[in-house]
Protein backbone atom coordinates (compact mmCIF):
# COMPACT_ATOMS: atom_id res chain seq x y z
CA MET A 1 9.00 -10.88 -6.61
CA ARG A 2 9.36 -7.12 -6.42
CA GLN A 3 11.70 -5.22 -4.11
CA ILE A 4 10.10 -2.36 -2.18
CA LYS A 5 11.83 0.19 0.02
CA ILE A 6 10.30 0.29 3.49
CA VAL A 7 10.76 2.92 6.18
CA ILE A 8 10.79 1.55 9.72
CA GLU A 9 10.54 3.98 12.63
CA LYS A 10 11.34 3.15 16.24
CA HIS A 11 9.07 4.80 18.80
CA PRO A 12 8.94 4.47 22.60
CA ASP A 13 6.00 2.07 22.33
CA GLY A 14 7.12 0.00 19.31
CA TYR A 15 7.94 0.13 15.62
CA VAL A 16 5.97 1.50 12.65
CA ALA A 17 6.73 0.56 9.05
CA TYR A 18 5.48 1.87 5.72
CA PRO A 19 6.49 1.33 2.08
CA LEU A 20 7.68 3.92 -0.42
CA GLY A 21 6.38 3.99 -3.98
CA LEU A 22 2.89 2.59 -3.35
CA LYS A 23 -0.38 4.35 -4.07
CA GLY A 24 -2.63 4.35 -1.03
CA VAL A 25 -1.85 3.96 2.64
CA VAL A 26 -0.16 0.81 3.93
CA VAL A 27 1.23 0.65 7.47
CA GLY A 28 2.59 -2.11 9.68
CA GLU A 29 3.50 -2.12 13.33
CA GLY A 30 5.09 -4.36 15.92
CA ASP A 31 6.98 -4.59 19.18
CA SER A 32 10.21 -5.23 17.26
CA TYR A 33 11.81 -4.26 13.97
CA ASP A 34 11.17 -7.74 12.57
CA GLU A 35 7.53 -7.76 13.67
CA ALA A 36 6.88 -4.40 12.01
CA LEU A 37 8.60 -5.54 8.82
CA ALA A 38 6.57 -8.77 8.72
CA ASP A 39 3.35 -6.85 9.41
CA VAL A 40 3.90 -4.29 6.66
CA THR A 41 4.96 -7.03 4.20
CA SER A 42 1.67 -8.80 4.87
CA ALA A 43 -0.23 -5.51 4.52
CA ILE A 44 1.46 -4.81 1.18
CA ALA A 45 0.51 -8.25 -0.14
CA PHE A 46 -3.11 -7.68 0.93
CA HIS A 47 -3.11 -4.21 -0.66
CA VAL A 48 -1.86 -5.61 -3.99
CA GLU A 49 -4.38 -8.51 -3.86
CA THR A 50 -7.20 -6.04 -3.18
CA PHE A 51 -6.35 -3.26 -5.64
CA GLY A 52 -4.10 -5.00 -8.19
CA PRO A 53 -0.59 -4.26 -9.41
CA ASP A 54 -1.55 -0.70 -10.41
CA VAL A 55 -0.88 0.31 -6.78
CA PHE A 56 2.82 0.51 -7.61
CA GLU A 57 4.13 3.90 -8.66
CA ASP A 58 5.29 4.25 -12.25
CA GLU A 59 8.31 2.01 -12.92
CA GLU A 60 9.87 4.78 -15.01
CA SER A 61 10.43 6.83 -11.86
CA PRO A 62 11.14 4.36 -9.04
CA VAL A 63 12.38 5.33 -5.60
CA LEU A 64 16.16 4.93 -5.98
CA GLU A 65 17.16 5.93 -2.47
CA ALA A 66 15.46 7.25 0.63
CA PHE A 67 17.02 9.73 3.03
CA VAL A 68 16.13 10.94 6.48
CA ALA A 69 16.88 14.59 7.11
CA GLU A 70 16.28 16.97 9.93
CA ALA A 71 15.37 20.63 9.61
CA GLY A 72 14.55 23.34 12.13
CA VAL A 73 11.15 24.96 11.90
CA THR A 74 10.27 28.22 13.62
CA LEU A 75 7.08 27.90 15.66
């Protein structure tokens, strides 16, 4: 069992979830937080089965924390 940090975003039409520290693109979605989490967990398992354990980023530099920030951008 390996713990993975997952970002879950709430949008007007549902939830989107994606893991941090994985090589490649893995995304889950659902109508609820729990559905999106379950979907991305399943997608991660499939990704690891397909490409092997090398999909994990180097264990010497794991994601310790994740932050959400906001910044203004001039358009």
